[in-house]
Amino acid sequence: MQIKTLTEERPLTFKTGLIEKIKNTIKSDDVTRTQWLRLLSSEVRKLLRILSGTLQDLHIKGVLAYEKIGEIFYWQASPCIR
């Protein structure tokens, strides 16, 4: 990666280039948009028809993606759920 020094005449060029890169990334078909579901663990078990131990195994193995923010779990929806 090449490091460039930001001089007085370059900020506008840098800003414009950065904005264009962000716009192109947002418009790109390569960007995967992930849907997250706010569900209780019991609701996830019921939806997947699994036991609590199985859900824990899926957590440990990294098969079922989730994020915990505070006390709330957000589960990544699979393509079949969307």
C-alpha atoms as a PDB file:
ATOM      1  CA  MET A   1       0.000   0.000   0.000  1.00  0.00           C
ATOM      2  CA  GLN A   2       1.365   3.361  -1.021  1.00  0.00           C
ATOM      3  CA  ILE A   3       1.205   6.182   1.512  1.00  0.00           C
ATOM      4  CA  LYS A   4       0.598   9.671   0.113  1.00  0.00           C
ATOM      5  CA  THR A   5       1.160  12.922   1.960  1.00  0.00           C
ATOM      6  CA  LEU A   6      -1.873  15.188   2.160  1.00  0.00           C
ATOM      7  CA  THR A   7      -0.778  18.717   1.233  1.00  0.00           C
ATOM      8  CA  GLU A   8      -2.776  21.975   1.146  1.00  0.00           C
ATOM      9  CA  GLU A   9      -3.768  21.603  -2.506  1.00  0.00           C
ATOM     10  CA  ARG A  10      -4.796  17.955  -2.214  1.00  0.00           C
ATOM     11  CA  PRO A  11      -7.631  17.908   0.391  1.00  0.00           C
ATOM     12  CA  LEU A  12     -10.388  18.665  -2.131  1.00  0.00           C
ATOM     13  CA  THR A  13      -9.061  16.047  -4.550  1.00  0.00           C
ATOM     14  CA  PHE A  14      -8.769  13.549  -1.708  1.00  0.00           C
ATOM     15  CA  LYS A  15     -12.295  14.295  -0.467  1.00  0.00           C
ATOM     16  CA  THR A  16     -13.806  14.040  -3.957  1.00  0.00           C
ATOM     17  CA  GLY A  17     -12.014  10.756  -4.648  1.00  0.00           C
ATOM     18  CA  LEU A  18     -13.091   9.306  -1.316  1.00  0.00           C
ATOM     19  CA  ILE A  19     -16.733  10.259  -1.867  1.00  0.00           C
ATOM     20  CA  GLU A  20     -16.658   8.646  -5.332  1.00  0.00           C
ATOM     21  CA  LYS A  21     -15.180   5.430  -3.923  1.00  0.00           C
ATOM     22  CA  ILE A  22     -17.895   5.280  -1.255  1.00  0.00           C
ATOM     23  CA  LYS A  23     -20.649   5.890  -3.823  1.00  0.00           C
ATOM     24  CA  ASN A  24     -19.261   3.175  -6.106  1.00  0.00           C
ATOM     25  CA  THR A  25     -19.059   0.720  -3.226  1.00  0.00           C
ATOM     26  CA  ILE A  26     -22.667   1.376  -2.222  1.00  0.00           C
ATOM     27  CA  LYS A  27     -23.876   0.971  -5.819  1.00  0.00           C
ATOM     28  CA  SER A  28     -21.760  -2.138  -6.436  1.00  0.00           C
ATOM     29  CA  ASP A  29     -23.512  -5.471  -6.851  1.00  0.00           C
ATOM     30  CA  ASP A  30     -20.629  -7.052  -4.935  1.00  0.00           C
ATOM     31  CA  VAL A  31     -21.794  -5.495  -1.671  1.00  0.00           C
ATOM     32  CA  THR A  32     -23.658  -8.084   0.378  1.00  0.00           C
ATOM     33  CA  ARG A  33     -26.436  -6.630   2.452  1.00  0.00           C
ATOM     34  CA  THR A  34     -27.050  -8.683   5.550  1.00  0.00           C
ATOM     35  CA  GLN A  35     -30.414  -8.896   7.214  1.00  0.00           C
ATOM     36  CA  TRP A  36     -30.377  -9.223  10.987  1.00  0.00           C
ATOM     37  CA  LEU A  37     -33.295 -10.501  13.045  1.00  0.00           C
ATOM     38  CA  ARG A  38     -33.955  -9.488  16.635  1.00  0.00           C
ATOM     39  CA  LEU A  39     -35.122 -12.721  18.234  1.00  0.00           C
ATOM     40  CA  LEU A  40     -35.002 -14.443  21.588  1.00  0.00           C
ATOM     41  CA  SER A  41     -33.002 -17.663  21.749  1.00  0.00           C
ATOM     42  CA  SER A  42     -36.249 -19.561  22.307  1.00  0.00           C
ATOM     43  CA  GLU A  43     -37.674 -18.077  19.097  1.00  0.00           C
ATOM     44  CA  VAL A  44     -34.563 -19.103  17.143  1.00  0.00           C
ATOM     45  CA  ARG A  45     -34.795 -22.651  18.544  1.00  0.00           C
ATOM     46  CA  LYS A  46     -38.462 -22.825  17.581  1.00  0.00           C
ATOM     47  CA  LEU A  47     -37.789 -21.416  14.097  1.00  0.00           C
ATOM     48  CA  LEU A  48     -34.975 -23.906  13.460  1.00  0.00           C
ATOM     49  CA  ARG A  49     -36.659 -26.727  15.406  1.00  0.00           C
ATOM     50  CA  ILE A  50     -33.583 -27.415  17.512  1.00  0.00           C
ATOM     51  CA  LEU A  51     -32.787 -27.901  21.205  1.00  0.00           C
ATOM     52  CA  SER A  52     -30.913 -25.353  23.335  1.00  0.00           C
ATOM     53  CA  GLY A  53     -27.778 -27.542  23.344  1.00  0.00           C
ATOM     54  CA  THR A  54     -27.807 -27.631  19.550  1.00  0.00           C
ATOM     55  CA  LEU A  55     -28.137 -23.848  19.431  1.00  0.00           C
ATOM     56  CA  GLN A  56     -25.153 -23.528  21.752  1.00  0.00           C
ATOM     57  CA  ASP A  57     -23.119 -25.900  19.552  1.00  0.00           C
ATOM     58  CA  LEU A  58     -23.974 -23.778  16.509  1.00  0.00           C
ATOM     59  CA  HIS A  59     -22.726 -20.713  18.426  1.00  0.00           C
ATOM     60  CA  ILE A  60     -19.466 -22.375  19.392  1.00  0.00           C
ATOM     61  CA  LYS A  61     -18.781 -23.732  15.896  1.00  0.00           C
ATOM     62  CA  GLY A  62     -19.596 -20.374  14.304  1.00  0.00           C
ATOM     63  CA  VAL A  63     -22.300 -21.881  12.093  1.00  0.00           C
ATOM     64  CA  LEU A  64     -25.013 -19.487  13.220  1.00  0.00           C
ATOM     65  CA  ALA A  65     -23.939 -15.827  13.041  1.00  0.00           C
ATOM     66  CA  TYR A  66     -25.167 -13.472  15.729  1.00  0.00           C
ATOM     67  CA  GLU A  67     -24.247 -10.237  17.463  1.00  0.00           C
ATOM     68  CA  LYS A  68     -25.063  -9.368  21.048  1.00  0.00           C
ATOM     69  CA  ILE A  69     -25.581  -5.704  21.833  1.00  0.00           C
ATOM     70  CA  GLY A  70     -26.284  -5.228  25.522  1.00  0.00           C
ATOM     71  CA  GLU A  71     -28.772  -7.952  26.384  1.00  0.00           C
ATOM     72  CA  ILE A  72     -30.234  -8.190  22.886  1.00  0.00           C
ATOM     73  CA  PHE A  73     -29.247 -10.852  20.351  1.00  0.00           C
ATOM     74  CA  TYR A  74     -29.333 -10.103  16.629  1.00  0.00           C
ATOM     75  CA  TRP A  75     -29.252 -13.174  14.397  1.00  0.00           C
ATOM     76  CA  GLN A  76     -28.036 -13.142  10.829  1.00  0.00           C
ATOM     77  CA  ALA A  77     -30.853 -14.323   8.572  1.00  0.00           C
ATOM     78  CA  SER A  78     -29.982 -17.087   6.163  1.00  0.00           C
ATOM     79  CA  PRO A  79     -31.105 -16.855   2.513  1.00  0.00           C
ATOM     80  CA  CYS A  80     -33.908 -19.334   3.163  1.00  0.00           C
ATOM     81  CA  ILE A  81     -35.413 -17.119   5.911  1.00  0.00           C
ATOM     82  CA  ARG A  82     -35.372 -13.880   3.906  1.00  0.00           C
END
